[in-house]
Amino acid sequence: MRTSERPTGEDRGPHFVQSVARALSVMRSFSADRPSQSLADVARATGLDRATARRLLLTLADLGYVRAEARDFQLTPRVLELGYAYLSGLSLPEIALPHLRKLAGDLNETAALAVLDGDEIVYVALIPSSRVATVRINIGTRFEAYPTSMGRVLLAGLPEQQLEDYLARLRLESKTDRTVRSVDALRQEIDRTREQGWALVEAELEAGLRGAAAPVRDRAGAVIAAANVSVHAGRMTPQEVEREYVPAILRTVRMIEADMMGLA
């Protein structure tokens, strides 16, 4: 969901503080693709008028979360404080890390764990490969769900009505010439993911990048996260990824689930 499409105060109760929502929308408008933005960029991304966007940016600068350089603004490392309490109290990444480390070591590829937050995936654990990657990924990195293997797995795990709501509001963008082009085609891929229990996405987020993922489920069987391996297309064919990597990912998620349930 784009920042400007998030619910406004009119959709909330009388407790809702619009200024807080607007300040958060300003912070969310920055991303890996837009680490530095002008006032006009922020106003356009958030749907706010320039005067409001300027006041919010200057307030965030006074609080130390934003810095101004010439005519542009950037987030500061202090924003990490906002997510630290959540991540530090989240046991799943700690449980998953040893298994992701083994997976990454066995395959010599990047292994990761992500959760679904709104319409985006958020990386909560990551073991990077020593090989050079063109996509910059860190803990907290967010991508739209639909063109990623972990996103497909997480979308496949949604209750049917939540999935239908997601598809109804989705606005597809072509990240590459292989990105899924229609909601119907995406629905078919999500159905396929649900049936086979894993996803393989071929260069839909970035050209030359393949991703394979499988769901991590809680004791009740609900999908709570996804684990994946990313590989450059030049090193492995889709058939090789399916034959050699997918079984390793499935074993990894089973071990994560066993540790979560205290069965290992």
C-alpha atoms as a PDB file:
ATOM      1  CA  MET A   1       0.000   0.000   0.000  1.00  0.00           C
ATOM      2  CA  ARG A   2       1.447   3.362  -0.939  1.00  0.00           C
ATOM      3  CA  THR A   3       1.859   5.912   1.832  1.00  0.00           C
ATOM      4  CA  SER A   4      -0.804   8.167   0.373  1.00  0.00           C
ATOM      5  CA  GLU A   5      -3.252   5.218   0.245  1.00  0.00           C
ATOM      6  CA  ARG A   6      -3.030   4.339   3.935  1.00  0.00           C
ATOM      7  CA  PRO A   7      -6.148   4.954   6.026  1.00  0.00           C
ATOM      8  CA  THR A   8      -6.700   8.519   7.187  1.00  0.00           C
ATOM      9  CA  GLY A   9      -8.165   9.857  10.407  1.00  0.00           C
ATOM     10  CA  GLU A  10     -11.629   9.697   8.890  1.00  0.00           C
ATOM     11  CA  ASP A  11     -11.321   5.891   8.857  1.00  0.00           C
ATOM     12  CA  ARG A  12     -10.328   5.725  12.532  1.00  0.00           C
ATOM     13  CA  GLY A  13     -11.929   6.368  15.911  1.00  0.00           C
ATOM     14  CA  PRO A  14     -12.106   9.668  17.834  1.00  0.00           C
ATOM     15  CA  HIS A  15      -8.778   8.829  19.520  1.00  0.00           C
ATOM     16  CA  PHE A  16      -6.906   9.094  16.201  1.00  0.00           C
ATOM     17  CA  VAL A  17      -4.181  11.778  16.132  1.00  0.00           C
ATOM     18  CA  GLN A  18      -3.771  12.880  12.529  1.00  0.00           C
ATOM     19  CA  SER A  19      -0.454  14.650  13.080  1.00  0.00           C
ATOM     20  CA  VAL A  20       1.157  11.424  14.334  1.00  0.00           C
ATOM     21  CA  ALA A  21      -0.099   9.535  11.282  1.00  0.00           C
ATOM     22  CA  ARG A  22       1.231  12.238   8.990  1.00  0.00           C
ATOM     23  CA  ALA A  23       4.650  12.254  10.659  1.00  0.00           C
ATOM     24  CA  LEU A  24       4.885   8.487  10.270  1.00  0.00           C
ATOM     25  CA  SER A  25       3.840   8.738   6.626  1.00  0.00           C
ATOM     26  CA  VAL A  26       6.699  11.180   6.053  1.00  0.00           C
ATOM     27  CA  MET A  27       9.178   8.732   7.586  1.00  0.00           C
ATOM     28  CA  ARG A  28       7.752   5.821   5.573  1.00  0.00           C
ATOM     29  CA  SER A  29       8.149   7.771   2.341  1.00  0.00           C
ATOM     30  CA  PHE A  30      11.924   7.211   2.538  1.00  0.00           C
ATOM     31  CA  SER A  31      13.148   3.863   1.217  1.00  0.00           C
ATOM     32  CA  ALA A  32      16.140   2.105  -0.297  1.00  0.00           C
ATOM     33  CA  ASP A  33      15.052   3.536  -3.649  1.00  0.00           C
ATOM     34  CA  ARG A  34      14.472   6.996  -2.163  1.00  0.00           C
ATOM     35  CA  PRO A  35      17.045   7.505   0.613  1.00  0.00           C
ATOM     36  CA  SER A  36      17.203  11.236  -0.116  1.00  0.00           C
ATOM     37  CA  GLN A  37      14.171  13.340  -0.999  1.00  0.00           C
ATOM     38  CA  SER A  38      13.324  16.955  -1.619  1.00  0.00           C
ATOM     39  CA  LEU A  39      10.369  18.642   0.026  1.00  0.00           C
ATOM     40  CA  ALA A  40       8.423  18.223  -3.229  1.00  0.00           C
ATOM     41  CA  ASP A  41       9.274  14.496  -3.309  1.00  0.00           C
ATOM     42  CA  VAL A  42       7.976  13.981   0.240  1.00  0.00           C
ATOM     43  CA  ALA A  43       4.808  15.971  -0.417  1.00  0.00           C
ATOM     44  CA  ARG A  44       4.124  13.942  -3.553  1.00  0.00           C
ATOM     45  CA  ALA A  45       4.824  10.567  -1.886  1.00  0.00           C
ATOM     46  CA  THR A  46       2.640  11.290   1.145  1.00  0.00           C
ATOM     47  CA  GLY A  47      -0.155  13.272  -0.486  1.00  0.00           C
ATOM     48  CA  LEU A  48       0.457  16.124   1.958  1.00  0.00           C
ATOM     49  CA  ASP A  49       0.629  19.769   0.956  1.00  0.00           C
ATOM     50  CA  ARG A  50       4.130  21.260   0.894  1.00  0.00           C
ATOM     51  CA  ALA A  51       3.595  23.453   3.962  1.00  0.00           C
ATOM     52  CA  THR A  52       2.510  20.494   6.116  1.00  0.00           C
ATOM     53  CA  ALA A  53       5.298  18.270   4.767  1.00  0.00           C
ATOM     54  CA  ARG A  54       7.848  21.003   5.532  1.00  0.00           C
ATOM     55  CA  ARG A  55       6.663  21.439   9.126  1.00  0.00           C
ATOM     56  CA  LEU A  56       6.783  17.690   9.717  1.00  0.00           C
ATOM     57  CA  LEU A  57      10.251  17.334   8.188  1.00  0.00           C
ATOM     58  CA  LEU A  58      11.616  20.181  10.292  1.00  0.00           C
ATOM     59  CA  THR A  59      10.018  18.719  13.428  1.00  0.00           C
ATOM     60  CA  LEU A  60      11.573  15.332  12.706  1.00  0.00           C
ATOM     61  CA  ALA A  61      14.882  17.093  12.114  1.00  0.00           C
ATOM     62  CA  ASP A  62      14.614  18.826  15.507  1.00  0.00           C
ATOM     63  CA  LEU A  63      14.008  15.396  17.084  1.00  0.00           C
ATOM     64  CA  GLY A  64      17.028  13.913  15.323  1.00  0.00           C
ATOM     65  CA  TYR A  65      15.213  11.508  12.984  1.00  0.00           C
ATOM     66  CA  VAL A  66      15.808  13.505   9.784  1.00  0.00           C
ATOM     67  CA  ARG A  67      18.722  15.608   8.570  1.00  0.00           C
ATOM     68  CA  ALA A  68      18.726  18.249   5.858  1.00  0.00           C
ATOM     69  CA  GLU A  69      21.462  18.448   3.263  1.00  0.00           C
ATOM     70  CA  ALA A  70      21.166  21.357   0.841  1.00  0.00           C
ATOM     71  CA  ARG A  71      17.624  21.026  -0.561  1.00  0.00           C
ATOM     72  CA  ASP A  72      17.207  17.346   0.306  1.00  0.00           C
ATOM     73  CA  PHE A  73      16.264  15.403   3.427  1.00  0.00           C
ATOM     74  CA  GLN A  74      17.485  12.026   4.681  1.00  0.00           C
ATOM     75  CA  LEU A  75      16.624   9.772   7.601  1.00  0.00           C
ATOM     76  CA  THR A  76      19.246   9.448  10.331  1.00  0.00           C
ATOM     77  CA  PRO A  77      20.349   6.248  12.110  1.00  0.00           C
ATOM     78  CA  ARG A  78      18.208   7.318  15.048  1.00  0.00           C
ATOM     79  CA  VAL A  79      15.118   5.907  13.300  1.00  0.00           C
ATOM     80  CA  LEU A  80      16.480   2.446  14.118  1.00  0.00           C
ATOM     81  CA  GLU A  81      15.476   3.075  17.731  1.00  0.00           C
ATOM     82  CA  LEU A  82      11.831   2.892  16.675  1.00  0.00           C
ATOM     83  CA  GLY A  83      12.119  -0.696  15.466  1.00  0.00           C
ATOM     84  CA  TYR A  84      14.689  -1.968  17.924  1.00  0.00           C
ATOM     85  CA  ALA A  85      12.255  -2.698  20.746  1.00  0.00           C
ATOM     86  CA  TYR A  86      10.081  -4.800  18.429  1.00  0.00           C
ATOM     87  CA  LEU A  87      12.938  -6.719  16.844  1.00  0.00           C
ATOM     88  CA  SER A  88      14.777  -7.280  20.118  1.00  0.00           C
ATOM     89  CA  GLY A  89      11.670  -8.755  21.689  1.00  0.00           C
ATOM     90  CA  LEU A  90      10.882 -10.971  18.723  1.00  0.00           C
ATOM     91  CA  SER A  91      12.046 -14.513  19.375  1.00  0.00           C
ATOM     92  CA  LEU A  92      11.449 -15.875  15.896  1.00  0.00           C
ATOM     93  CA  PRO A  93      14.531 -14.250  14.276  1.00  0.00           C
ATOM     94  CA  GLU A  94      16.725 -15.542  17.081  1.00  0.00           C
ATOM     95  CA  ILE A  95      15.345 -19.047  16.634  1.00  0.00           C
ATOM     96  CA  ALA A  96      15.700 -18.873  12.854  1.00  0.00           C
ATOM     97  CA  LEU A  97      19.213 -17.449  12.628  1.00  0.00           C
ATOM     98  CA  PRO A  98      21.200 -20.658  13.308  1.00  0.00           C
ATOM     99  CA  HIS A  99      19.142 -22.507  10.721  1.00  0.00           C
ATOM    100  CA  LEU A 100      19.447 -19.705   8.176  1.00  0.00           C
ATOM    101  CA  ARG A 101      23.191 -19.618   8.806  1.00  0.00           C
ATOM    102  CA  LYS A 102      23.459 -23.332   8.013  1.00  0.00           C
ATOM    103  CA  LEU A 103      21.251 -22.958   4.944  1.00  0.00           C
ATOM    104  CA  ALA A 104      23.320 -20.044   3.640  1.00  0.00           C
ATOM    105  CA  GLY A 105      26.559 -21.932   4.344  1.00  0.00           C
ATOM    106  CA  ASP A 106      25.410 -25.144   2.691  1.00  0.00           C
ATOM    107  CA  LEU A 107      24.251 -23.365  -0.459  1.00  0.00           C
ATOM    108  CA  ASN A 108      26.657 -20.402  -0.420  1.00  0.00           C
ATOM    109  CA  GLU A 109      23.711 -18.100  -1.073  1.00  0.00           C
ATOM    110  CA  THR A 110      21.880 -15.405   0.858  1.00  0.00           C
ATOM    111  CA  ALA A 111      19.234 -16.777   3.243  1.00  0.00           C
ATOM    112  CA  ALA A 112      16.593 -14.637   4.900  1.00  0.00           C
ATOM    113  CA  LEU A 113      13.439 -14.546   6.970  1.00  0.00           C
ATOM    114  CA  ALA A 114      10.642 -12.031   6.432  1.00  0.00           C
ATOM    115  CA  VAL A 115       7.198 -11.238   7.808  1.00  0.00           C
ATOM    116  CA  LEU A 116       4.237  -9.530   6.175  1.00  0.00           C
ATOM    117  CA  ASP A 117       3.510  -5.970   7.297  1.00  0.00           C
ATOM    118  CA  GLY A 118       0.539  -4.529   5.464  1.00  0.00           C
ATOM    119  CA  ASP A 119       1.241  -5.029   1.783  1.00  0.00           C
ATOM    120  CA  GLU A 120       5.009  -5.320   2.192  1.00  0.00           C
ATOM    121  CA  ILE A 121       7.475  -7.901   3.400  1.00  0.00           C
ATOM    122  CA  VAL A 122       9.963  -6.871   6.076  1.00  0.00           C
ATOM    123  CA  TYR A 123      13.278  -8.662   6.560  1.00  0.00           C
ATOM    124  CA  VAL A 124      13.726  -9.686  10.208  1.00  0.00           C
ATOM    125  CA  ALA A 125      16.694 -12.051   9.833  1.00  0.00           C
ATOM    126  CA  LEU A 126      19.387 -12.235   7.179  1.00  0.00           C
ATOM    127  CA  ILE A 127      22.551 -14.210   6.442  1.00  0.00           C
ATOM    128  CA  PRO A 128      24.158 -12.562   3.404  1.00  0.00           C
ATOM    129  CA  SER A 129      26.227 -14.465   0.878  1.00  0.00           C
ATOM    130  CA  SER A 130      29.826 -13.509   0.276  1.00  0.00           C
ATOM    131  CA  ARG A 131      28.885 -13.177  -3.364  1.00  0.00           C
ATOM    132  CA  VAL A 132      28.163  -9.668  -4.586  1.00  0.00           C
ATOM    133  CA  ALA A 133      24.451  -8.851  -4.748  1.00  0.00           C
ATOM    134  CA  THR A 134      22.965  -5.926  -6.619  1.00  0.00           C
ATOM    135  CA  VAL A 135      19.930  -5.621  -4.331  1.00  0.00           C
ATOM    136  CA  ARG A 136      20.842  -3.976  -1.045  1.00  0.00           C
ATOM    137  CA  ILE A 137      19.115  -5.855   1.767  1.00  0.00           C
ATOM    138  CA  ASN A 138      19.412  -5.332   5.514  1.00  0.00           C
ATOM    139  CA  ILE A 139      17.325  -6.095   8.570  1.00  0.00           C
ATOM    140  CA  GLY A 140      14.251  -3.911   8.199  1.00  0.00           C
ATOM    141  CA  THR A 141      14.408  -3.753   4.388  1.00  0.00           C
ATOM    142  CA  ARG A 142      10.929  -3.698   2.887  1.00  0.00           C
ATOM    143  CA  PHE A 143       9.679  -4.766  -0.534  1.00  0.00           C
ATOM    144  CA  GLU A 144       6.204  -4.958  -1.988  1.00  0.00           C
ATOM    145  CA  ALA A 145       5.007  -8.502  -1.488  1.00  0.00           C
ATOM    146  CA  TYR A 146       3.738  -9.481  -4.909  1.00  0.00           C
ATOM    147  CA  PRO A 147       7.048  -9.685  -6.903  1.00  0.00           C
ATOM    148  CA  THR A 148       8.987 -11.629  -4.237  1.00  0.00           C
ATOM    149  CA  SER A 149       9.128 -15.298  -3.305  1.00  0.00           C
ATOM    150  CA  MET A 150       8.621 -14.599   0.400  1.00  0.00           C
ATOM    151  CA  GLY A 151       5.749 -12.277  -0.437  1.00  0.00           C
ATOM    152  CA  ARG A 152       4.021 -14.970  -2.490  1.00  0.00           C
ATOM    153  CA  VAL A 153       4.369 -17.434   0.387  1.00  0.00           C
ATOM    154  CA  LEU A 154       3.027 -14.942   2.912  1.00  0.00           C
ATOM    155  CA  LEU A 155       0.138 -13.910   0.666  1.00  0.00           C
ATOM    156  CA  ALA A 156      -0.725 -17.577   0.112  1.00  0.00           C
ATOM    157  CA  GLY A 157      -0.981 -17.944   3.884  1.00  0.00           C
ATOM    158  CA  LEU A 158      -3.534 -15.167   4.312  1.00  0.00           C
ATOM    159  CA  PRO A 159      -7.177 -15.950   5.093  1.00  0.00           C
ATOM    160  CA  GLU A 160      -9.163 -15.817   1.871  1.00  0.00           C
ATOM    161  CA  GLN A 161     -10.949 -12.534   2.620  1.00  0.00           C
ATOM    162  CA  GLN A 162      -7.704 -10.765   3.544  1.00  0.00           C
ATOM    163  CA  LEU A 163      -6.164 -11.985   0.293  1.00  0.00           C
ATOM    164  CA  GLU A 164      -9.166 -10.772  -1.709  1.00  0.00           C
ATOM    165  CA  ASP A 165      -8.950  -7.357  -0.026  1.00  0.00           C
ATOM    166  CA  TYR A 166      -5.245  -7.189  -0.868  1.00  0.00           C
ATOM    167  CA  LEU A 167      -5.817  -8.094  -4.517  1.00  0.00           C
ATOM    168  CA  ALA A 168      -8.663  -5.578  -4.798  1.00  0.00           C
ATOM    169  CA  ARG A 169      -6.485  -2.657  -3.730  1.00  0.00           C
ATOM    170  CA  LEU A 170      -3.272  -3.782  -5.446  1.00  0.00           C
ATOM    171  CA  ARG A 171      -1.737  -1.578  -8.135  1.00  0.00           C
ATOM    172  CA  LEU A 172       0.811  -3.634 -10.026  1.00  0.00           C
ATOM    173  CA  GLU A 173       4.025  -2.022 -11.236  1.00  0.00           C
ATOM    174  CA  SER A 174       6.501  -3.590 -13.663  1.00  0.00           C
ATOM    175  CA  LYS A 175       9.761  -3.947 -11.749  1.00  0.00           C
ATOM    176  CA  THR A 176      11.248  -5.940 -14.646  1.00  0.00           C
ATOM    177  CA  ASP A 177       9.952  -7.337 -17.920  1.00  0.00           C
ATOM    178  CA  ARG A 178       9.076 -10.542 -16.028  1.00  0.00           C
ATOM    179  CA  THR A 179       7.004  -8.965 -13.252  1.00  0.00           C
ATOM    180  CA  VAL A 180       3.511 -10.424 -13.046  1.00  0.00           C
ATOM    181  CA  ARG A 181       1.266  -8.260 -15.206  1.00  0.00           C
ATOM    182  CA  SER A 182      -2.267  -8.847 -13.936  1.00  0.00           C
ATOM    183  CA  VAL A 183      -4.095  -9.559 -10.715  1.00  0.00           C
ATOM    184  CA  ASP A 184      -5.525 -12.742 -12.253  1.00  0.00           C
ATOM    185  CA  ALA A 185      -2.024 -13.985 -13.076  1.00  0.00           C
ATOM    186  CA  LEU A 186      -0.869 -13.148  -9.563  1.00  0.00           C
ATOM    187  CA  ARG A 187      -3.838 -14.996  -8.084  1.00  0.00           C
ATOM    188  CA  GLN A 188      -2.848 -18.082 -10.097  1.00  0.00           C
ATOM    189  CA  GLU A 189       0.714 -17.873  -8.785  1.00  0.00           C
ATOM    190  CA  ILE A 190      -0.532 -17.518  -5.209  1.00  0.00           C
ATOM    191  CA  ASP A 191      -2.823 -20.533  -5.695  1.00  0.00           C
ATOM    192  CA  ARG A 192       0.118 -22.505  -7.077  1.00  0.00           C
ATOM    193  CA  THR A 193       2.230 -21.494  -4.067  1.00  0.00           C
ATOM    194  CA  ARG A 194      -0.494 -22.593  -1.665  1.00  0.00           C
ATOM    195  CA  GLU A 195      -0.869 -25.957  -3.386  1.00  0.00           C
ATOM    196  CA  GLN A 196       2.826 -26.858  -3.614  1.00  0.00           C
ATOM    197  CA  GLY A 197       3.897 -25.285  -0.312  1.00  0.00           C
ATOM    198  CA  TRP A 198       6.679 -23.092  -1.689  1.00  0.00           C
ATOM    199  CA  ALA A 199       7.303 -20.341  -4.241  1.00  0.00           C
ATOM    200  CA  LEU A 200       9.887 -19.743  -6.934  1.00  0.00           C
ATOM    201  CA  VAL A 201       9.946 -16.224  -8.373  1.00  0.00           C
ATOM    202  CA  GLU A 202      11.941 -15.590 -11.507  1.00  0.00           C
ATOM    203  CA  ALA A 203      13.455 -12.086 -11.897  1.00  0.00           C
ATOM    204  CA  GLU A 204      10.246 -10.218 -11.010  1.00  0.00           C
ATOM    205  CA  LEU A 205      11.818  -7.876  -8.460  1.00  0.00           C
ATOM    206  CA  GLU A 206      15.154  -7.421 -10.198  1.00  0.00           C
ATOM    207  CA  ALA A 207      16.505  -8.744 -13.483  1.00  0.00           C
ATOM    208  CA  GLY A 208      18.720 -11.767 -13.008  1.00  0.00           C
ATOM    209  CA  LEU A 209      17.602 -12.499  -9.439  1.00  0.00           C
ATOM    210  CA  ARG A 210      15.754 -15.695  -8.512  1.00  0.00           C
ATOM    211  CA  GLY A 211      14.170 -16.316  -5.148  1.00  0.00           C
ATOM    212  CA  ALA A 212      12.739 -19.481  -3.614  1.00  0.00           C
ATOM    213  CA  ALA A 213      10.793 -19.431  -0.350  1.00  0.00           C
ATOM    214  CA  ALA A 214       8.729 -21.589   1.985  1.00  0.00           C
ATOM    215  CA  PRO A 215       6.357 -20.710   4.842  1.00  0.00           C
ATOM    216  CA  VAL A 216       7.105 -20.877   8.549  1.00  0.00           C
ATOM    217  CA  ARG A 217       3.984 -21.900  10.471  1.00  0.00           C
ATOM    218  CA  ASP A 218       3.029 -21.628  14.115  1.00  0.00           C
ATOM    219  CA  ARG A 219       1.569 -24.430  16.224  1.00  0.00           C
ATOM    220  CA  ALA A 220      -1.920 -23.726  14.854  1.00  0.00           C
ATOM    221  CA  GLY A 221      -0.705 -23.977  11.260  1.00  0.00           C
ATOM    222  CA  ALA A 222      -0.917 -20.253  10.495  1.00  0.00           C
ATOM    223  CA  VAL A 223       1.821 -18.792   8.297  1.00  0.00           C
ATOM    224  CA  ILE A 224       3.784 -16.312  10.400  1.00  0.00           C
ATOM    225  CA  ALA A 225       6.929 -15.832   8.316  1.00  0.00           C
ATOM    226  CA  ALA A 226       8.737 -16.967   5.187  1.00  0.00           C
ATOM    227  CA  ALA A 227      12.303 -18.183   4.686  1.00  0.00           C
ATOM    228  CA  ASN A 228      14.057 -17.869   1.362  1.00  0.00           C
ATOM    229  CA  VAL A 229      17.238 -18.208  -0.609  1.00  0.00           C
ATOM    230  CA  SER A 230      18.222 -15.687  -3.286  1.00  0.00           C
ATOM    231  CA  VAL A 231      20.403 -16.729  -6.207  1.00  0.00           C
ATOM    232  CA  HIS A 232      21.716 -15.057  -9.346  1.00  0.00           C
ATOM    233  CA  ALA A 233      20.042 -16.489 -12.431  1.00  0.00           C
ATOM    234  CA  GLY A 234      23.373 -17.076 -14.110  1.00  0.00           C
ATOM    235  CA  ARG A 235      24.421 -19.633 -11.502  1.00  0.00           C
ATOM    236  CA  MET A 236      21.360 -21.880 -11.353  1.00  0.00           C
ATOM    237  CA  THR A 237      18.501 -22.717 -13.675  1.00  0.00           C
ATOM    238  CA  PRO A 238      14.956 -22.677 -12.257  1.00  0.00           C
ATOM    239  CA  GLN A 239      14.950 -26.465 -12.453  1.00  0.00           C
ATOM    240  CA  GLU A 240      18.186 -26.674 -10.445  1.00  0.00           C
ATOM    241  CA  VAL A 241      16.819 -24.275  -7.821  1.00  0.00           C
ATOM    242  CA  GLU A 242      13.680 -26.400  -7.507  1.00  0.00           C
ATOM    243  CA  ARG A 243      15.644 -29.653  -7.339  1.00  0.00           C
ATOM    244  CA  GLU A 244      18.530 -28.596  -5.069  1.00  0.00           C
ATOM    245  CA  TYR A 245      17.482 -25.497  -3.129  1.00  0.00           C
ATOM    246  CA  VAL A 246      13.765 -25.937  -2.427  1.00  0.00           C
ATOM    247  CA  PRO A 247      14.225 -29.188  -0.434  1.00  0.00           C
ATOM    248  CA  ALA A 248      16.923 -27.469   1.644  1.00  0.00           C
ATOM    249  CA  ILE A 249      14.603 -24.523   2.353  1.00  0.00           C
ATOM    250  CA  LEU A 250      11.763 -26.860   3.316  1.00  0.00           C
ATOM    251  CA  ARG A 251      14.062 -28.718   5.727  1.00  0.00           C
ATOM    252  CA  THR A 252      15.132 -25.398   7.207  1.00  0.00           C
ATOM    253  CA  VAL A 253      11.599 -24.185   7.889  1.00  0.00           C
ATOM    254  CA  ARG A 254      10.706 -27.523   9.478  1.00  0.00           C
ATOM    255  CA  MET A 255      13.651 -27.153  11.870  1.00  0.00           C
ATOM    256  CA  ILE A 256      12.656 -23.560  12.674  1.00  0.00           C
ATOM    257  CA  GLU A 257       9.107 -24.706  13.403  1.00  0.00           C
ATOM    258  CA  ALA A 258      10.351 -27.567  15.576  1.00  0.00           C
ATOM    259  CA  ASP A 259      12.494 -25.191  17.626  1.00  0.00           C
ATOM    260  CA  MET A 260       9.552 -22.802  18.003  1.00  0.00           C
ATOM    261  CA  MET A 261       7.424 -25.621  19.394  1.00  0.00           C
ATOM    262  CA  GLY A 262      10.163 -26.961  21.633  1.00  0.00           C
ATOM    263  CA  LEU A 263      10.325 -30.264  19.777  1.00  0.00           C
ATOM    264  CA  ALA A 264      13.919 -30.137  18.598  1.00  0.00           C
END
